[in-house]
Amino acid sequence: MIRILAIAMASYLLLYNPAYASAAACSDLGSVRAMVWKSWFAGNTTALRALLSPNVIAIDAPGQWHTLNDVLSDAQAFSRHGRLLSLSFPLVKVQRYGDVAVMYSKYRVHSEYDGHSITESGSASEVFQFRNGCWINTGWHLDASER
């Protein structure tokens, strides 16, 4: 019975949730994390709503705290004038505690904003919860080491 419910939920997410390209992507922590970052830079609020917890707490590199509405608004604002050129995570460590995973990473982002090239690197701590067969990002803290 649980397997049938999991398959039904995965099917629902695939049909009605454009954030997930496949059930494998939804259940692969690294894929979900990459989708969150890429969706933010693209201003894809539909995908972000699917990938983020409604009560997400995000702390950015300058130390400002954000709710889901803030994250969505910031993503849209960036995408109007900017675009992602490259994204990498050269070092990743994951600690898993049942249905919760904490992902510690070094990140490097190269983007363009109003025609200006921007490179940022730093550390990220991201928290995910496995809900209904998919990883959901419940919060993060970014610490930029260079801009």
C-alpha atoms as a PDB file:
ATOM      1  CA  MET A   1       0.000   0.000   0.000  1.00  0.00           C
ATOM      2  CA  ILE A   2       2.792   2.457   0.881  1.00  0.00           C
ATOM      3  CA  ARG A   3       4.563   1.660  -2.390  1.00  0.00           C
ATOM      4  CA  ILE A   4       1.369   2.416  -4.332  1.00  0.00           C
ATOM      5  CA  LEU A   5       1.000   5.742  -2.504  1.00  0.00           C
ATOM      6  CA  ALA A   6       4.629   6.637  -3.240  1.00  0.00           C
ATOM      7  CA  ILE A   7       4.183   5.826  -6.930  1.00  0.00           C
ATOM      8  CA  ALA A   8       0.949   7.809  -7.045  1.00  0.00           C
ATOM      9  CA  MET A   9       2.609  10.814  -5.371  1.00  0.00           C
ATOM     10  CA  ALA A  10       5.596  10.651  -7.721  1.00  0.00           C
ATOM     11  CA  SER A  11       3.227  10.446 -10.699  1.00  0.00           C
ATOM     12  CA  TYR A  12       1.273  13.448  -9.420  1.00  0.00           C
ATOM     13  CA  LEU A  13       4.466  15.461  -8.977  1.00  0.00           C
ATOM     14  CA  LEU A  14       5.640  14.587 -12.466  1.00  0.00           C
ATOM     15  CA  LEU A  15       2.325  15.465 -14.098  1.00  0.00           C
ATOM     16  CA  TYR A  16       1.434  18.584 -12.144  1.00  0.00           C
ATOM     17  CA  ASN A  17       4.770  19.841 -10.956  1.00  0.00           C
ATOM     18  CA  PRO A  18       7.070  21.213 -13.656  1.00  0.00           C
ATOM     19  CA  ALA A  19       9.998  21.380 -11.224  1.00  0.00           C
ATOM     20  CA  TYR A  20      10.533  17.641 -11.423  1.00  0.00           C
ATOM     21  CA  ALA A  21      11.658  16.218 -14.741  1.00  0.00           C
ATOM     22  CA  SER A  22      11.581  12.665 -13.403  1.00  0.00           C
ATOM     23  CA  ALA A  23      10.933  10.686 -10.242  1.00  0.00           C
ATOM     24  CA  ALA A  24      14.671  10.019 -10.067  1.00  0.00           C
ATOM     25  CA  ALA A  25      15.407  13.771 -10.060  1.00  0.00           C
ATOM     26  CA  CYS A  26      12.894  14.346  -7.286  1.00  0.00           C
ATOM     27  CA  SER A  27      14.480  11.709  -5.059  1.00  0.00           C
ATOM     28  CA  ASP A  28      18.121  12.592  -5.836  1.00  0.00           C
ATOM     29  CA  LEU A  29      19.334  15.138  -3.306  1.00  0.00           C
ATOM     30  CA  GLY A  30      22.025  16.590  -5.569  1.00  0.00           C
ATOM     31  CA  SER A  31      19.592  17.027  -8.453  1.00  0.00           C
ATOM     32  CA  VAL A  32      17.025  18.765  -6.262  1.00  0.00           C
ATOM     33  CA  ARG A  33      19.645  21.123  -4.825  1.00  0.00           C
ATOM     34  CA  ALA A  34      20.844  22.031  -8.340  1.00  0.00           C
ATOM     35  CA  MET A  35      17.220  22.610  -9.428  1.00  0.00           C
ATOM     36  CA  VAL A  36      16.697  25.004  -6.496  1.00  0.00           C
ATOM     37  CA  TRP A  37      19.731  27.099  -7.400  1.00  0.00           C
ATOM     38  CA  LYS A  38      19.038  27.104 -11.161  1.00  0.00           C
ATOM     39  CA  SER A  39      15.338  27.873 -10.613  1.00  0.00           C
ATOM     40  CA  TRP A  40      16.269  30.846  -8.423  1.00  0.00           C
ATOM     41  CA  PHE A  41      18.597  32.335 -11.033  1.00  0.00           C
ATOM     42  CA  ALA A  42      15.992  31.739 -13.752  1.00  0.00           C
ATOM     43  CA  GLY A  43      13.249  33.394 -11.696  1.00  0.00           C
ATOM     44  CA  ASN A  44      11.194  30.201 -11.973  1.00  0.00           C
ATOM     45  CA  THR A  45       8.816  30.740  -9.074  1.00  0.00           C
ATOM     46  CA  THR A  46       6.623  27.792 -10.064  1.00  0.00           C
ATOM     47  CA  ALA A  47       9.549  25.420  -9.650  1.00  0.00           C
ATOM     48  CA  LEU A  48      10.708  27.143  -6.471  1.00  0.00           C
ATOM     49  CA  ARG A  49       7.267  26.768  -4.881  1.00  0.00           C
ATOM     50  CA  ALA A  50       7.508  23.029  -5.559  1.00  0.00           C
ATOM     51  CA  LEU A  51      11.105  22.653  -4.411  1.00  0.00           C
ATOM     52  CA  LEU A  52      10.970  24.785  -1.258  1.00  0.00           C
ATOM     53  CA  SER A  53       9.101  24.334   1.974  1.00  0.00           C
ATOM     54  CA  PRO A  54       6.348  26.938   2.471  1.00  0.00           C
ATOM     55  CA  ASN A  55       8.077  27.928   5.729  1.00  0.00           C
ATOM     56  CA  VAL A  56      11.609  28.032   4.288  1.00  0.00           C
ATOM     57  CA  ILE A  57      14.157  30.210   6.072  1.00  0.00           C
ATOM     58  CA  ALA A  58      16.985  31.453   3.874  1.00  0.00           C
ATOM     59  CA  ILE A  59      19.944  33.444   5.139  1.00  0.00           C
ATOM     60  CA  ASP A  60      21.934  35.037   2.331  1.00  0.00           C
ATOM     61  CA  ALA A  61      25.615  35.932   2.192  1.00  0.00           C
ATOM     62  CA  PRO A  62      25.148  39.441   3.667  1.00  0.00           C
ATOM     63  CA  GLY A  63      23.257  37.844   6.577  1.00  0.00           C
ATOM     64  CA  GLN A  64      19.695  38.870   5.725  1.00  0.00           C
ATOM     65  CA  TRP A  65      16.894  36.446   6.590  1.00  0.00           C
ATOM     66  CA  HIS A  66      14.253  35.602   3.976  1.00  0.00           C
ATOM     67  CA  THR A  67      10.880  33.864   3.889  1.00  0.00           C
ATOM     68  CA  LEU A  68       9.452  32.032   0.886  1.00  0.00           C
ATOM     69  CA  ASN A  69       7.848  35.221  -0.454  1.00  0.00           C
ATOM     70  CA  ASP A  70      11.189  37.034  -0.158  1.00  0.00           C
ATOM     71  CA  VAL A  71      13.003  34.231  -1.992  1.00  0.00           C
ATOM     72  CA  LEU A  72      10.433  34.255  -4.806  1.00  0.00           C
ATOM     73  CA  SER A  73      10.521  38.038  -5.103  1.00  0.00           C
ATOM     74  CA  ASP A  74      14.342  38.130  -5.114  1.00  0.00           C
ATOM     75  CA  ALA A  75      14.490  35.409  -7.771  1.00  0.00           C
ATOM     76  CA  GLN A  76      12.092  37.291 -10.042  1.00  0.00           C
ATOM     77  CA  ALA A  77      13.984  40.545  -9.522  1.00  0.00           C
ATOM     78  CA  PHE A  78      17.326  38.948 -10.392  1.00  0.00           C
ATOM     79  CA  SER A  79      15.998  37.208 -13.505  1.00  0.00           C
ATOM     80  CA  ARG A  80      14.693  40.487 -14.961  1.00  0.00           C
ATOM     81  CA  HIS A  81      18.260  41.820 -15.292  1.00  0.00           C
ATOM     82  CA  GLY A  82      20.532  38.826 -14.794  1.00  0.00           C
ATOM     83  CA  ARG A  83      21.310  35.307 -15.871  1.00  0.00           C
ATOM     84  CA  LEU A  84      23.294  32.380 -14.585  1.00  0.00           C
ATOM     85  CA  LEU A  85      26.411  31.576 -16.605  1.00  0.00           C
ATOM     86  CA  SER A  86      27.828  28.726 -14.526  1.00  0.00           C
ATOM     87  CA  LEU A  87      27.290  27.024 -11.196  1.00  0.00           C
ATOM     88  CA  SER A  88      29.521  24.509  -9.448  1.00  0.00           C
ATOM     89  CA  PHE A  89      29.870  22.839  -6.075  1.00  0.00           C
ATOM     90  CA  PRO A  90      33.546  21.814  -5.831  1.00  0.00           C
ATOM     91  CA  LEU A  91      33.182  20.315  -2.343  1.00  0.00           C
ATOM     92  CA  VAL A  92      30.054  18.679  -0.926  1.00  0.00           C
ATOM     93  CA  LYS A  93      29.494  16.810   2.340  1.00  0.00           C
ATOM     94  CA  VAL A  94      26.119  15.385   3.359  1.00  0.00           C
ATOM     95  CA  GLN A  95      24.897  14.290   6.773  1.00  0.00           C
ATOM     96  CA  ARG A  96      21.653  12.352   6.750  1.00  0.00           C
ATOM     97  CA  TYR A  97      19.359  11.873   9.746  1.00  0.00           C
ATOM     98  CA  GLY A  98      16.416   9.762   8.612  1.00  0.00           C
ATOM     99  CA  ASP A  99      14.236  11.946   6.403  1.00  0.00           C
ATOM    100  CA  VAL A 100      16.435  15.014   6.947  1.00  0.00           C
ATOM    101  CA  ALA A 101      19.683  15.760   5.159  1.00  0.00           C
ATOM    102  CA  VAL A 102      22.097  18.606   5.771  1.00  0.00           C
ATOM    103  CA  MET A 103      24.272  19.466   2.795  1.00  0.00           C
ATOM    104  CA  TYR A 104      27.479  21.432   3.369  1.00  0.00           C
ATOM    105  CA  SER A 105      29.127  22.793   0.222  1.00  0.00           C
ATOM    106  CA  LYS A 106      31.594  25.138  -1.301  1.00  0.00           C
ATOM    107  CA  TYR A 107      29.890  26.921  -4.194  1.00  0.00           C
ATOM    108  CA  ARG A 108      30.970  29.032  -7.137  1.00  0.00           C
ATOM    109  CA  VAL A 109      28.511  31.077  -9.185  1.00  0.00           C
ATOM    110  CA  HIS A 110      29.291  33.044 -12.316  1.00  0.00           C
ATOM    111  CA  SER A 111      26.444  35.262 -13.450  1.00  0.00           C
ATOM    112  CA  GLU A 112      25.772  38.370 -15.432  1.00  0.00           C
ATOM    113  CA  TYR A 113      23.689  41.271 -14.152  1.00  0.00           C
ATOM    114  CA  ASP A 114      22.918  44.343 -16.261  1.00  0.00           C
ATOM    115  CA  GLY A 115      25.797  43.342 -18.547  1.00  0.00           C
ATOM    116  CA  HIS A 116      28.314  43.051 -15.706  1.00  0.00           C
ATOM    117  CA  SER A 117      30.043  39.755 -14.963  1.00  0.00           C
ATOM    118  CA  ILE A 118      29.772  38.630 -11.330  1.00  0.00           C
ATOM    119  CA  THR A 119      31.646  35.758  -9.741  1.00  0.00           C
ATOM    120  CA  GLU A 120      30.813  34.712  -6.189  1.00  0.00           C
ATOM    121  CA  SER A 121      32.092  31.819  -4.171  1.00  0.00           C
ATOM    122  CA  GLY A 122      31.555  30.737  -0.613  1.00  0.00           C
ATOM    123  CA  SER A 123      30.097  28.125   1.686  1.00  0.00           C
ATOM    124  CA  ALA A 124      26.517  26.884   1.875  1.00  0.00           C
ATOM    125  CA  SER A 125      24.638  24.915   4.500  1.00  0.00           C
ATOM    126  CA  GLU A 126      21.334  23.593   3.173  1.00  0.00           C
ATOM    127  CA  VAL A 127      18.662  21.537   4.920  1.00  0.00           C
ATOM    128  CA  PHE A 128      16.350  19.145   3.071  1.00  0.00           C
ATOM    129  CA  GLN A 129      13.468  16.953   4.182  1.00  0.00           C
ATOM    130  CA  PHE A 130      12.311  13.871   2.285  1.00  0.00           C
ATOM    131  CA  ARG A 131       8.524  14.288   1.923  1.00  0.00           C
ATOM    132  CA  ASN A 132       6.222  12.106  -0.172  1.00  0.00           C
ATOM    133  CA  GLY A 133       9.128  10.597  -2.118  1.00  0.00           C
ATOM    134  CA  CYS A 134      10.850  13.905  -2.922  1.00  0.00           C
ATOM    135  CA  TRP A 135      13.483  16.102  -1.306  1.00  0.00           C
ATOM    136  CA  ILE A 136      12.228  19.551  -0.267  1.00  0.00           C
ATOM    137  CA  ASN A 137      14.599  22.385   0.657  1.00  0.00           C
ATOM    138  CA  THR A 138      13.596  23.751   4.067  1.00  0.00           C
ATOM    139  CA  GLY A 139      16.321  26.341   4.473  1.00  0.00           C
ATOM    140  CA  TRP A 140      19.869  27.484   3.857  1.00  0.00           C
ATOM    141  CA  HIS A 141      22.649  29.767   4.989  1.00  0.00           C
ATOM    142  CA  LEU A 142      25.146  31.196   2.507  1.00  0.00           C
ATOM    143  CA  ASP A 143      28.488  32.684   3.433  1.00  0.00           C
ATOM    144  CA  ALA A 144      30.265  34.393   0.528  1.00  0.00           C
ATOM    145  CA  SER A 145      34.024  34.338   0.730  1.00  0.00           C
ATOM    146  CA  GLU A 146      34.658  36.407  -2.402  1.00  0.00           C
ATOM    147  CA  ARG A 147      32.646  38.586  -4.734  1.00  0.00           C
END
